[in-house]
């Protein structure tokens, strides 16, 4: 996404006060426009095809109805893979965080975070870069021990956690993009993880990156 492009955001949350506050905050920034609001996973999936296509959907993980935020995320990612998902939740359950990241969310923010953390998550995911709220990742028990990784793999993991693409990681570490891709695959396999968003959470949890750098 170009830096000067307006990011289209949809909100899925059953609490009207929360939605109003989020909309007011997000639209106070000139690069954000809220294009749709829904109150449940079923409502979101029904409305989404008729909306102006959002770049990002901010999804509450604990909405009422037959499907929760994790399943809603999975269905959105399957049907609209070009849309980035930022999960927003009051839950401190690390299993729920791991589940939504496995389902395809690229961002994860707790509701008690500063509003700027959510804004940063939306902007990061809109640019194709995963973002996990450091306070949430600090509690999450994800992945195996870092001792399973080689020094080079830790270097690659750190660069991935900073949101760099494989090409950018290769340029920074003076290795080919294909080599980076191979390293990322090995890291995911060794740690028992599935995607880059989980790698971000892992790197923060294991203190392989300084949260102030994210």
N, C-alpha and C. Protein backbone atom coordinates (compact mmCIF):
# COMPACT_ATOMS: atom_id res chain seq x y z
N UNK A 1 0.84 -1.20 0.00
CA UNK A 1 0.00 0.00 0.00
C UNK A 1 0.87 1.24 0.00
N UNK A 2 0.54 2.20 -0.84
CA UNK A 2 1.28 3.45 -0.88
C UNK A 2 1.11 4.20 0.42
N UNK A 3 2.17 4.94 0.78
CA UNK A 3 2.16 5.64 2.07
C UNK A 3 1.02 6.64 2.15
N UNK A 4 0.68 7.30 1.02
CA UNK A 4 -0.32 8.36 1.04
C UNK A 4 -1.73 7.86 0.77
N UNK A 5 -1.94 6.56 0.70
CA UNK A 5 -3.26 6.02 0.42
C UNK A 5 -4.10 5.97 1.69
N UNK A 6 -5.38 6.30 1.55
CA UNK A 6 -6.29 6.19 2.69
C UNK A 6 -6.58 4.72 2.94
N UNK A 7 -6.48 4.29 4.19
CA UNK A 7 -6.73 2.91 4.57
C UNK A 7 -8.21 2.75 4.91
N UNK A 8 -8.88 1.88 4.18
CA UNK A 8 -10.30 1.61 4.43
C UNK A 8 -10.42 0.55 5.52
N UNK A 9 -11.15 0.88 6.58
CA UNK A 9 -11.25 0.00 7.75
C UNK A 9 -12.71 -0.33 8.03
N UNK A 10 -13.00 -1.60 8.28
CA UNK A 10 -14.31 -2.03 8.76
C UNK A 10 -14.17 -2.50 10.21
N UNK A 11 -15.22 -2.30 10.99
CA UNK A 11 -15.21 -2.66 12.41
C UNK A 11 -16.26 -3.73 12.67
N UNK A 12 -15.88 -4.76 13.41
CA UNK A 12 -16.82 -5.81 13.80
C UNK A 12 -16.76 -5.95 15.31
N UNK A 13 -17.77 -5.39 15.99
CA UNK A 13 -17.82 -5.40 17.45
C UNK A 13 -19.27 -5.16 17.86
N UNK A 14 -19.75 -5.90 18.86
CA UNK A 14 -21.16 -5.78 19.24
C UNK A 14 -21.41 -4.68 20.26
N UNK A 15 -20.38 -4.01 20.73
CA UNK A 15 -20.56 -2.94 21.71
C UNK A 15 -20.58 -1.58 21.00
N UNK A 16 -21.73 -0.92 21.00
CA UNK A 16 -21.88 0.32 20.26
C UNK A 16 -20.96 1.43 20.78
N UNK A 17 -20.77 1.47 22.09
CA UNK A 17 -19.89 2.50 22.66
C UNK A 17 -18.47 2.31 22.16
N UNK A 18 -18.02 1.05 22.13
CA UNK A 18 -16.67 0.75 21.64
C UNK A 18 -16.54 1.13 20.17
N UNK A 19 -17.54 0.75 19.36
CA UNK A 19 -17.50 1.06 17.93
C UNK A 19 -17.46 2.57 17.70
N UNK A 20 -18.31 3.29 18.44
CA UNK A 20 -18.34 4.75 18.28
C UNK A 20 -16.99 5.36 18.64
N UNK A 21 -16.40 4.91 19.75
CA UNK A 21 -15.11 5.44 20.18
C UNK A 21 -14.02 5.11 19.16
N UNK A 22 -14.03 3.87 18.67
CA UNK A 22 -13.03 3.47 17.68
C UNK A 22 -13.17 4.28 16.40
N UNK A 23 -14.40 4.44 15.95
CA UNK A 23 -14.63 5.18 14.70
C UNK A 23 -14.18 6.62 14.84
N UNK A 24 -14.54 7.24 15.95
CA UNK A 24 -14.16 8.63 16.18
C UNK A 24 -12.64 8.78 16.21
N UNK A 25 -11.99 7.87 16.93
CA UNK A 25 -10.52 7.94 17.04
C UNK A 25 -9.87 7.70 15.69
N UNK A 26 -10.26 6.63 15.01
CA UNK A 26 -9.61 6.28 13.75
C UNK A 26 -9.81 7.35 12.68
N UNK A 27 -11.03 7.90 12.59
CA UNK A 27 -11.30 8.90 11.55
C UNK A 27 -10.76 10.28 11.90
N UNK A 28 -10.17 10.42 13.07
CA UNK A 28 -9.47 11.67 13.39
C UNK A 28 -8.11 11.72 12.69
N UNK A 29 -7.73 10.61 12.07
CA UNK A 29 -6.46 10.54 11.33
C UNK A 29 -6.78 10.55 9.84
N UNK A 30 -6.15 11.42 9.09
CA UNK A 30 -6.52 11.60 7.67
C UNK A 30 -6.26 10.39 6.79
N UNK A 31 -5.45 9.44 7.24
CA UNK A 31 -5.16 8.27 6.41
C UNK A 31 -6.07 7.09 6.72
N UNK A 32 -7.10 7.30 7.56
CA UNK A 32 -8.02 6.22 7.93
C UNK A 32 -9.45 6.63 7.60
N UNK A 33 -10.21 5.70 7.00
CA UNK A 33 -11.64 5.91 6.78
C UNK A 33 -12.39 4.64 7.10
N UNK A 34 -13.38 4.74 7.99
CA UNK A 34 -14.19 3.59 8.36
C UNK A 34 -15.30 3.43 7.32
N UNK A 35 -15.35 2.25 6.70
CA UNK A 35 -16.28 2.03 5.59
C UNK A 35 -17.43 1.09 5.93
N UNK A 36 -17.42 0.48 7.12
CA UNK A 36 -18.49 -0.43 7.48
C UNK A 36 -18.40 -0.86 8.92
N UNK A 37 -19.56 -1.17 9.50
CA UNK A 37 -19.63 -1.62 10.88
C UNK A 37 -20.59 -2.81 10.96
N UNK A 38 -20.21 -3.84 11.70
CA UNK A 38 -21.10 -4.98 11.92
C UNK A 38 -21.03 -5.37 13.38
N UNK A 39 -22.05 -6.15 13.83
CA UNK A 39 -22.17 -6.47 15.25
C UNK A 39 -21.93 -7.94 15.58
N UNK A 40 -21.69 -8.76 14.56
CA UNK A 40 -21.43 -10.18 14.79
C UNK A 40 -20.67 -10.74 13.61
N UNK A 41 -20.13 -11.94 13.79
CA UNK A 41 -19.43 -12.57 12.69
C UNK A 41 -20.34 -12.85 11.52
N UNK A 42 -21.54 -13.35 11.82
CA UNK A 42 -22.50 -13.64 10.75
C UNK A 42 -22.89 -12.37 10.00
N UNK A 43 -23.10 -11.29 10.74
CA UNK A 43 -23.46 -10.01 10.12
C UNK A 43 -22.34 -9.51 9.23
N UNK A 44 -21.09 -9.63 9.70
CA UNK A 44 -19.95 -9.19 8.91
C UNK A 44 -19.86 -9.97 7.60
N UNK A 45 -19.96 -11.29 7.68
CA UNK A 45 -19.84 -12.12 6.49
C UNK A 45 -20.96 -11.87 5.50
N UNK A 46 -22.15 -11.54 6.01
CA UNK A 46 -23.29 -11.26 5.13
C UNK A 46 -23.14 -9.90 4.46
N UNK A 47 -22.62 -8.91 5.18
CA UNK A 47 -22.52 -7.56 4.65
C UNK A 47 -21.29 -7.33 3.77
N UNK A 48 -20.23 -8.05 4.04
CA UNK A 48 -18.95 -7.76 3.42
C UNK A 48 -18.99 -7.73 1.89
N UNK A 49 -19.65 -8.68 1.21
CA UNK A 49 -19.64 -8.63 -0.25
C UNK A 49 -20.26 -7.36 -0.84
N UNK A 50 -21.17 -6.71 -0.10
CA UNK A 50 -21.83 -5.51 -0.61
C UNK A 50 -21.16 -4.21 -0.21
N UNK A 51 -20.18 -4.28 0.69
CA UNK A 51 -19.48 -3.08 1.13
C UNK A 51 -18.41 -2.65 0.13
N UNK A 52 -18.04 -1.38 0.23
CA UNK A 52 -16.78 -0.97 -0.39
C UNK A 52 -15.70 -1.80 0.30
N UNK A 53 -14.90 -2.49 -0.49
CA UNK A 53 -13.98 -3.47 0.08
C UNK A 53 -12.97 -2.82 1.04
N UNK A 54 -12.98 -3.21 2.31
CA UNK A 54 -12.01 -2.64 3.25
C UNK A 54 -10.62 -3.22 3.04
N UNK A 55 -9.62 -2.46 3.42
CA UNK A 55 -8.25 -2.97 3.43
C UNK A 55 -8.00 -3.78 4.70
N UNK A 56 -8.63 -3.32 5.79
CA UNK A 56 -8.44 -3.93 7.11
C UNK A 56 -9.79 -4.12 7.78
N UNK A 57 -9.96 -5.24 8.46
CA UNK A 57 -11.11 -5.41 9.35
C UNK A 57 -10.59 -5.59 10.76
N UNK A 58 -11.10 -4.78 11.67
CA UNK A 58 -10.78 -4.91 13.10
C UNK A 58 -11.89 -5.75 13.71
N UNK A 59 -11.55 -6.93 14.19
CA UNK A 59 -12.55 -7.90 14.65
C UNK A 59 -12.42 -8.15 16.16
N UNK A 60 -13.51 -7.97 16.86
CA UNK A 60 -13.58 -8.36 18.27
C UNK A 60 -13.67 -9.88 18.32
N UNK A 61 -12.88 -10.51 19.15
CA UNK A 61 -12.86 -11.98 19.18
C UNK A 61 -14.04 -12.59 19.93
N UNK A 62 -14.76 -11.78 20.71
CA UNK A 62 -15.79 -12.35 21.58
C UNK A 62 -17.15 -11.75 21.29
N UNK A 63 -17.56 -11.80 20.01
CA UNK A 63 -18.87 -11.30 19.62
C UNK A 63 -19.94 -12.37 19.84
N UNK A 64 -21.20 -11.94 19.99
CA UNK A 64 -22.29 -12.91 20.15
C UNK A 64 -22.60 -13.59 18.82
N UNK A 65 -23.35 -14.68 18.90
CA UNK A 65 -23.76 -15.37 17.68
C UNK A 65 -23.17 -16.75 17.60
N UNK A 66 -23.38 -17.39 16.46
CA UNK A 66 -22.95 -18.77 16.31
C UNK A 66 -21.48 -18.95 16.03
N UNK A 67 -20.79 -17.91 15.53
CA UNK A 67 -19.36 -18.03 15.26
C UNK A 67 -18.62 -16.91 15.98
N UNK A 68 -17.47 -17.25 16.53
CA UNK A 68 -16.69 -16.26 17.25
C UNK A 68 -15.73 -15.55 16.31
N UNK A 69 -14.89 -14.69 16.90
CA UNK A 69 -13.97 -13.91 16.08
C UNK A 69 -12.92 -14.75 15.37
N UNK A 70 -12.53 -15.87 15.99
CA UNK A 70 -11.54 -16.74 15.36
C UNK A 70 -12.11 -17.36 14.09
N UNK A 71 -13.31 -17.92 14.17
CA UNK A 71 -13.93 -18.54 13.00
C UNK A 71 -14.28 -17.48 11.95
N UNK A 72 -14.71 -16.31 12.41
CA UNK A 72 -14.98 -15.22 11.47
C UNK A 72 -13.71 -14.85 10.71
N UNK A 73 -12.61 -14.76 11.42
CA UNK A 73 -11.33 -14.46 10.79
C UNK A 73 -10.98 -15.50 9.74
N UNK A 74 -11.14 -16.78 10.10
CA UNK A 74 -10.82 -17.86 9.17
C UNK A 74 -11.65 -17.74 7.89
N UNK A 75 -12.93 -17.44 8.03
CA UNK A 75 -13.80 -17.37 6.85
C UNK A 75 -13.50 -16.14 6.00
N UNK A 76 -13.18 -15.03 6.64
CA UNK A 76 -12.83 -13.83 5.87
C UNK A 76 -11.54 -14.07 5.09
N UNK A 77 -10.55 -14.64 5.75
CA UNK A 77 -9.27 -14.90 5.08
C UNK A 77 -9.45 -15.86 3.91
N UNK A 78 -10.31 -16.86 4.07
CA UNK A 78 -10.56 -17.80 2.99
C UNK A 78 -11.29 -17.15 1.81
N UNK A 79 -12.26 -16.29 2.12
CA UNK A 79 -13.05 -15.69 1.06
C UNK A 79 -12.48 -14.41 0.49
N UNK A 80 -11.72 -13.68 1.31
CA UNK A 80 -11.19 -12.37 0.90
C UNK A 80 -9.74 -12.26 1.36
N UNK A 81 -8.84 -13.04 0.77
CA UNK A 81 -7.45 -13.09 1.27
C UNK A 81 -6.71 -11.77 1.18
N UNK A 82 -7.23 -10.84 0.38
CA UNK A 82 -6.55 -9.55 0.25
C UNK A 82 -6.83 -8.62 1.43
N UNK A 83 -7.80 -8.97 2.28
CA UNK A 83 -8.15 -8.13 3.43
C UNK A 83 -7.29 -8.52 4.63
N UNK A 84 -6.69 -7.53 5.28
CA UNK A 84 -5.92 -7.79 6.49
C UNK A 84 -6.82 -7.80 7.71
N UNK A 85 -6.55 -8.69 8.65
CA UNK A 85 -7.35 -8.80 9.87
C UNK A 85 -6.53 -8.38 11.07
N UNK A 86 -7.10 -7.46 11.86
CA UNK A 86 -6.53 -7.09 13.16
C UNK A 86 -7.52 -7.54 14.22
N UNK A 87 -7.12 -8.47 15.06
CA UNK A 87 -7.97 -8.95 16.15
C UNK A 87 -7.86 -8.01 17.33
N UNK A 88 -9.01 -7.66 17.89
CA UNK A 88 -9.06 -6.76 19.05
C UNK A 88 -9.86 -7.45 20.14
N UNK A 89 -9.27 -7.60 21.33
CA UNK A 89 -9.95 -8.37 22.35
C UNK A 89 -9.57 -7.95 23.75
N UNK A 90 -10.50 -8.18 24.68
CA UNK A 90 -10.23 -7.96 26.09
C UNK A 90 -9.65 -9.20 26.74
N UNK A 91 -9.64 -10.31 26.01
CA UNK A 91 -9.19 -11.58 26.55
C UNK A 91 -7.68 -11.59 26.76
N UNK A 92 -7.23 -12.25 27.81
CA UNK A 92 -5.81 -12.45 28.04
C UNK A 92 -5.44 -13.92 27.84
N UNK A 93 -6.32 -14.67 27.20
CA UNK A 93 -6.13 -16.09 26.96
C UNK A 93 -5.17 -16.30 25.79
N UNK A 94 -3.96 -16.80 26.09
CA UNK A 94 -2.98 -16.95 25.02
C UNK A 94 -3.41 -17.96 23.96
N UNK A 95 -4.22 -18.94 24.34
CA UNK A 95 -4.67 -19.92 23.35
C UNK A 95 -5.58 -19.25 22.31
N UNK A 96 -6.36 -18.27 22.74
CA UNK A 96 -7.21 -17.54 21.80
C UNK A 96 -6.37 -16.70 20.84
N UNK A 97 -5.31 -16.10 21.38
CA UNK A 97 -4.42 -15.33 20.52
C UNK A 97 -3.76 -16.23 19.49
N UNK A 98 -3.24 -17.36 19.93
CA UNK A 98 -2.60 -18.27 19.00
C UNK A 98 -3.58 -18.77 17.96
N UNK A 99 -4.83 -19.01 18.38
CA UNK A 99 -5.84 -19.52 17.45
C UNK A 99 -6.15 -18.52 16.35
N UNK A 100 -6.30 -17.25 16.70
CA UNK A 100 -6.66 -16.26 15.67
C UNK A 100 -5.48 -15.97 14.75
N UNK A 101 -4.26 -16.05 15.26
CA UNK A 101 -3.10 -15.89 14.39
C UNK A 101 -2.99 -17.07 13.43
N UNK A 102 -3.26 -18.27 13.92
CA UNK A 102 -3.27 -19.44 13.03
C UNK A 102 -4.38 -19.31 11.98
N UNK A 103 -5.49 -18.69 12.37
CA UNK A 103 -6.62 -18.53 11.45
C UNK A 103 -6.33 -17.53 10.34
N UNK A 104 -5.28 -16.74 10.51
CA UNK A 104 -4.89 -15.83 9.44
C UNK A 104 -4.84 -14.35 9.79
N UNK A 105 -5.13 -14.00 11.05
CA UNK A 105 -5.01 -12.59 11.45
C UNK A 105 -3.56 -12.16 11.36
N UNK A 106 -3.34 -10.94 10.91
CA UNK A 106 -1.99 -10.39 10.83
C UNK A 106 -1.69 -9.41 11.95
N UNK A 107 -2.72 -9.04 12.71
CA UNK A 107 -2.54 -8.12 13.82
C UNK A 107 -3.32 -8.58 15.03
N UNK A 108 -2.82 -8.25 16.20
CA UNK A 108 -3.48 -8.63 17.45
C UNK A 108 -3.24 -7.53 18.47
N UNK A 109 -4.34 -6.97 19.01
CA UNK A 109 -4.24 -5.87 19.97
C UNK A 109 -5.23 -6.10 21.10
N UNK A 110 -4.81 -5.88 22.33
CA UNK A 110 -5.72 -5.98 23.46
C UNK A 110 -6.47 -4.67 23.64
N UNK A 111 -7.70 -4.76 24.12
CA UNK A 111 -8.54 -3.57 24.26
C UNK A 111 -8.03 -2.61 25.33
N UNK A 112 -7.18 -3.08 26.23
CA UNK A 112 -6.64 -2.18 27.25
C UNK A 112 -5.34 -1.50 26.79
N UNK A 113 -4.97 -1.71 25.52
CA UNK A 113 -3.79 -1.04 24.97
C UNK A 113 -4.10 0.43 24.70
N UNK A 114 -3.06 1.22 24.57
CA UNK A 114 -3.24 2.61 24.17
C UNK A 114 -3.82 2.64 22.75
N UNK A 115 -4.68 3.61 22.45
CA UNK A 115 -5.27 3.68 21.11
C UNK A 115 -4.23 3.72 19.99
N UNK A 116 -3.09 4.32 20.27
CA UNK A 116 -2.05 4.41 19.25
C UNK A 116 -1.50 3.04 18.86
N UNK A 117 -1.62 2.06 19.77
CA UNK A 117 -1.16 0.70 19.44
C UNK A 117 -2.05 0.12 18.35
N UNK A 118 -3.36 0.30 18.48
CA UNK A 118 -4.28 -0.17 17.44
C UNK A 118 -4.01 0.54 16.12
N UNK A 119 -3.79 1.84 16.18
CA UNK A 119 -3.49 2.61 14.97
C UNK A 119 -2.23 2.08 14.28
N UNK A 120 -1.22 1.79 15.08
CA UNK A 120 0.03 1.26 14.53
C UNK A 120 -0.20 -0.11 13.91
N UNK A 121 -1.04 -0.93 14.56
CA UNK A 121 -1.34 -2.25 14.03
C UNK A 121 -2.03 -2.14 12.68
N UNK A 122 -3.02 -1.27 12.58
CA UNK A 122 -3.75 -1.09 11.32
C UNK A 122 -2.81 -0.63 10.21
N UNK A 123 -1.99 0.34 10.49
CA UNK A 123 -1.07 0.85 9.48
C UNK A 123 -0.05 -0.21 9.07
N UNK A 124 0.44 -0.97 10.04
CA UNK A 124 1.43 -2.01 9.73
C UNK A 124 0.82 -3.10 8.86
N UNK A 125 -0.33 -3.60 9.26
CA UNK A 125 -0.97 -4.68 8.50
C UNK A 125 -1.37 -4.21 7.11
N UNK A 126 -1.79 -2.95 7.00
CA UNK A 126 -2.15 -2.40 5.69
C UNK A 126 -0.95 -2.37 4.75
N UNK A 127 0.23 -2.35 5.30
CA UNK A 127 1.45 -2.37 4.49
C UNK A 127 2.03 -3.78 4.37
N UNK A 128 1.25 -4.76 4.77
CA UNK A 128 1.69 -6.15 4.65
C UNK A 128 2.63 -6.61 5.73
N UNK A 129 2.65 -5.90 6.86
CA UNK A 129 3.57 -6.23 7.94
C UNK A 129 2.80 -6.64 9.19
N UNK A 130 2.99 -7.86 9.68
CA UNK A 130 2.28 -8.30 10.87
C UNK A 130 2.62 -7.42 12.07
N UNK A 131 1.65 -7.30 12.97
CA UNK A 131 1.88 -6.54 14.20
C UNK A 131 1.15 -7.21 15.35
N UNK A 132 1.87 -7.47 16.44
CA UNK A 132 1.29 -8.06 17.64
C UNK A 132 1.56 -7.13 18.81
N UNK A 133 0.50 -6.76 19.51
CA UNK A 133 0.59 -5.92 20.70
C UNK A 133 1.64 -6.52 21.64
N UNK A 134 2.73 -5.80 21.92
CA UNK A 134 3.78 -6.35 22.78
C UNK A 134 3.27 -6.83 24.14
N UNK A 135 2.27 -6.14 24.71
CA UNK A 135 1.77 -6.57 26.02
C UNK A 135 1.05 -7.90 25.93
N UNK A 136 0.46 -8.20 24.77
CA UNK A 136 -0.20 -9.50 24.58
C UNK A 136 0.82 -10.58 24.29
N UNK A 137 1.79 -10.25 23.44
CA UNK A 137 2.81 -11.24 23.11
C UNK A 137 3.64 -11.61 24.33
N UNK A 138 3.78 -10.67 25.26
CA UNK A 138 4.55 -10.95 26.45
C UNK A 138 3.94 -12.03 27.32
N UNK A 139 2.63 -12.25 27.18
CA UNK A 139 1.97 -13.28 27.97
C UNK A 139 1.75 -14.58 27.20
N UNK A 140 1.98 -14.52 25.89
CA UNK A 140 1.63 -15.67 25.06
C UNK A 140 2.71 -16.74 25.11
N UNK A 141 2.29 -17.99 25.27
CA UNK A 141 3.20 -19.11 25.29
C UNK A 141 3.17 -19.75 23.90
N UNK A 142 4.02 -19.25 23.01
CA UNK A 142 4.01 -19.75 21.64
C UNK A 142 5.39 -20.26 21.27
N UNK A 143 5.43 -21.38 20.57
CA UNK A 143 6.67 -21.86 20.00
C UNK A 143 7.58 -22.58 20.98
N UNK A 144 8.56 -23.25 20.41
CA UNK A 144 9.55 -23.96 21.21
C UNK A 144 10.67 -23.03 21.65
N UNK A 145 11.72 -23.59 22.27
CA UNK A 145 12.81 -22.76 22.79
C UNK A 145 13.66 -22.16 21.67
N UNK A 146 14.14 -20.94 21.92
CA UNK A 146 14.96 -20.27 20.92
C UNK A 146 16.28 -21.00 20.69
N UNK A 147 16.70 -21.84 21.62
CA UNK A 147 17.95 -22.60 21.49
C UNK A 147 17.91 -23.54 20.29
N UNK A 148 16.71 -23.84 19.79
CA UNK A 148 16.59 -24.71 18.62
C UNK A 148 17.02 -24.00 17.34
N UNK A 149 17.15 -22.68 17.39
CA UNK A 149 17.47 -21.90 16.20
C UNK A 149 18.96 -21.62 16.11
N UNK A 150 19.45 -21.57 14.89
CA UNK A 150 20.84 -21.18 14.67
C UNK A 150 20.98 -19.67 14.80
N UNK A 151 22.21 -19.20 14.86
CA UNK A 151 22.46 -17.76 14.95
C UNK A 151 21.87 -17.05 13.74
N UNK A 152 22.06 -17.61 12.54
CA UNK A 152 21.52 -17.00 11.34
C UNK A 152 20.00 -16.97 11.37
N UNK A 153 19.39 -18.05 11.85
CA UNK A 153 17.93 -18.11 11.92
C UNK A 153 17.39 -17.06 12.89
N UNK A 154 18.09 -16.83 13.98
CA UNK A 154 17.67 -15.78 14.91
C UNK A 154 17.79 -14.42 14.25
N UNK A 155 18.86 -14.21 13.47
CA UNK A 155 19.00 -12.95 12.74
C UNK A 155 17.81 -12.74 11.80
N UNK A 156 17.44 -13.79 11.08
CA UNK A 156 16.31 -13.70 10.15
C UNK A 156 15.02 -13.46 10.92
N UNK A 157 14.83 -14.18 12.02
CA UNK A 157 13.62 -14.02 12.82
C UNK A 157 13.48 -12.59 13.32
N UNK A 158 14.57 -12.00 13.77
CA UNK A 158 14.52 -10.62 14.24
C UNK A 158 14.08 -9.67 13.12
N UNK A 159 14.61 -9.87 11.94
CA UNK A 159 14.25 -8.99 10.83
C UNK A 159 12.79 -9.18 10.43
N UNK A 160 12.30 -10.42 10.46
CA UNK A 160 10.88 -10.68 10.19
C UNK A 160 10.01 -9.99 11.22
N UNK A 161 10.43 -10.04 12.49
CA UNK A 161 9.66 -9.42 13.56
C UNK A 161 9.55 -7.90 13.38
N UNK A 162 10.56 -7.31 12.76
CA UNK A 162 10.52 -5.88 12.48
C UNK A 162 9.62 -5.54 11.30
N UNK A 163 9.06 -6.57 10.65
CA UNK A 163 8.11 -6.35 9.57
C UNK A 163 8.72 -6.31 8.19
N UNK A 164 9.96 -6.74 8.05
CA UNK A 164 10.61 -6.69 6.75
C UNK A 164 10.18 -7.88 5.88
N UNK A 165 10.08 -7.64 4.59
CA UNK A 165 9.78 -8.69 3.64
C UNK A 165 11.02 -9.57 3.46
N UNK A 166 10.84 -10.71 2.78
CA UNK A 166 11.99 -11.58 2.53
C UNK A 166 13.07 -10.86 1.75
N UNK A 167 12.65 -10.05 0.76
CA UNK A 167 13.63 -9.30 -0.02
C UNK A 167 14.40 -8.32 0.86
N UNK A 168 13.68 -7.61 1.72
CA UNK A 168 14.33 -6.63 2.61
C UNK A 168 15.26 -7.32 3.60
N UNK A 169 14.83 -8.47 4.12
CA UNK A 169 15.68 -9.22 5.04
C UNK A 169 16.97 -9.65 4.33
N UNK A 170 16.82 -10.13 3.09
CA UNK A 170 17.99 -10.54 2.33
C UNK A 170 18.97 -9.41 2.12
N UNK A 171 18.44 -8.23 1.80
CA UNK A 171 19.30 -7.07 1.59
C UNK A 171 20.03 -6.68 2.87
N UNK A 172 19.34 -6.76 4.00
CA UNK A 172 19.94 -6.38 5.28
C UNK A 172 20.99 -7.37 5.75
N UNK A 173 20.78 -8.64 5.43
CA UNK A 173 21.70 -9.68 5.90
C UNK A 173 22.66 -10.16 4.81
N UNK A 174 22.56 -9.55 3.63
CA UNK A 174 23.44 -9.88 2.50
C UNK A 174 23.32 -11.35 2.09
N UNK A 175 22.07 -11.82 2.03
CA UNK A 175 21.78 -13.16 1.54
C UNK A 175 20.65 -13.05 0.54
N UNK A 176 20.42 -14.10 -0.24
CA UNK A 176 19.40 -14.03 -1.27
C UNK A 176 18.00 -14.13 -0.68
N UNK A 177 17.04 -13.63 -1.44
CA UNK A 177 15.64 -13.71 -1.01
C UNK A 177 15.21 -15.17 -0.85
N UNK A 178 15.68 -16.04 -1.74
CA UNK A 178 15.32 -17.46 -1.66
C UNK A 178 15.90 -18.10 -0.39
N UNK A 179 17.10 -17.68 -0.02
CA UNK A 179 17.70 -18.19 1.22
C UNK A 179 16.89 -17.75 2.43
N UNK A 180 16.44 -16.52 2.40
CA UNK A 180 15.59 -16.03 3.49
C UNK A 180 14.32 -16.86 3.59
N UNK A 181 13.70 -17.11 2.45
CA UNK A 181 12.47 -17.91 2.41
C UNK A 181 12.71 -19.28 3.02
N UNK A 182 13.87 -19.88 2.69
CA UNK A 182 14.21 -21.19 3.24
C UNK A 182 14.39 -21.12 4.75
N UNK A 183 15.09 -20.07 5.21
CA UNK A 183 15.29 -19.90 6.66
C UNK A 183 13.95 -19.75 7.38
N UNK A 184 13.05 -18.93 6.81
CA UNK A 184 11.75 -18.71 7.45
C UNK A 184 10.99 -20.03 7.57
N UNK A 185 11.04 -20.84 6.51
CA UNK A 185 10.39 -22.14 6.54
C UNK A 185 10.96 -23.03 7.63
N UNK A 186 12.29 -23.03 7.76
CA UNK A 186 12.94 -23.84 8.80
C UNK A 186 12.57 -23.34 10.19
N UNK A 187 12.52 -22.02 10.36
CA UNK A 187 12.18 -21.44 11.67
C UNK A 187 10.76 -21.84 12.06
N UNK A 188 9.82 -21.69 11.14
CA UNK A 188 8.43 -22.07 11.41
C UNK A 188 8.35 -23.54 11.80
N UNK A 189 9.07 -24.39 11.08
CA UNK A 189 9.04 -25.81 11.37
C UNK A 189 9.64 -26.14 12.73
N UNK A 190 10.78 -25.54 13.06
CA UNK A 190 11.43 -25.82 14.33
C UNK A 190 10.59 -25.37 15.52
N UNK A 191 9.89 -24.24 15.35
CA UNK A 191 9.13 -23.67 16.45
C UNK A 191 7.69 -24.17 16.50
N UNK A 192 7.28 -24.90 15.46
CA UNK A 192 5.90 -25.40 15.42
C UNK A 192 4.89 -24.30 15.19
N UNK A 193 5.29 -23.27 14.43
CA UNK A 193 4.41 -22.14 14.13
C UNK A 193 4.01 -22.18 12.67
N UNK A 194 3.05 -21.32 12.30
CA UNK A 194 2.48 -21.42 10.95
C UNK A 194 2.65 -20.18 10.09
N UNK A 195 2.89 -19.01 10.69
CA UNK A 195 2.93 -17.81 9.86
C UNK A 195 3.77 -16.72 10.50
N UNK A 196 3.94 -15.63 9.78
CA UNK A 196 4.83 -14.56 10.22
C UNK A 196 4.28 -13.82 11.44
N UNK A 197 2.95 -13.71 11.54
CA UNK A 197 2.39 -13.03 12.71
C UNK A 197 2.75 -13.78 13.99
N UNK A 198 2.72 -15.12 13.93
CA UNK A 198 3.13 -15.90 15.10
C UNK A 198 4.62 -15.71 15.39
N UNK A 199 5.41 -15.53 14.34
CA UNK A 199 6.84 -15.29 14.55
C UNK A 199 7.07 -13.96 15.27
N UNK A 200 6.27 -12.95 14.94
CA UNK A 200 6.38 -11.67 15.64
C UNK A 200 6.09 -11.86 17.13
N UNK A 201 5.00 -12.57 17.43
CA UNK A 201 4.65 -12.82 18.83
C UNK A 201 5.76 -13.58 19.54
N UNK A 202 6.32 -14.56 18.86
CA UNK A 202 7.39 -15.37 19.44
C UNK A 202 8.61 -14.50 19.75
N UNK A 203 9.01 -13.67 18.79
CA UNK A 203 10.20 -12.86 18.96
C UNK A 203 10.06 -11.89 20.13
N UNK A 204 8.87 -11.33 20.29
CA UNK A 204 8.63 -10.41 21.41
C UNK A 204 8.63 -11.18 22.73
N UNK A 205 7.94 -12.32 22.75
CA UNK A 205 7.86 -13.14 23.95
C UNK A 205 9.25 -13.55 24.43
N UNK A 206 10.10 -13.96 23.50
CA UNK A 206 11.43 -14.44 23.85
C UNK A 206 12.45 -13.32 23.99
N UNK A 207 11.98 -12.07 23.88
CA UNK A 207 12.84 -10.89 24.00
C UNK A 207 13.98 -10.91 22.97
N UNK A 208 13.67 -11.39 21.78
CA UNK A 208 14.64 -11.35 20.69
C UNK A 208 14.63 -10.01 20.00
N UNK A 209 13.58 -9.21 20.26
CA UNK A 209 13.52 -7.85 19.75
C UNK A 209 13.09 -6.93 20.89
N UNK A 210 13.48 -5.68 20.79
CA UNK A 210 13.05 -4.67 21.74
C UNK A 210 11.70 -4.14 21.27
N UNK A 211 10.68 -4.20 22.14
CA UNK A 211 9.34 -3.78 21.72
C UNK A 211 9.31 -2.34 21.27
N UNK A 212 10.24 -1.52 21.73
CA UNK A 212 10.27 -0.12 21.30
C UNK A 212 10.67 0.00 19.83
N UNK A 213 11.28 -1.06 19.28
CA UNK A 213 11.71 -1.02 17.89
C UNK A 213 10.59 -1.40 16.93
N UNK A 214 9.50 -1.99 17.44
CA UNK A 214 8.45 -2.47 16.58
C UNK A 214 7.59 -1.33 16.06
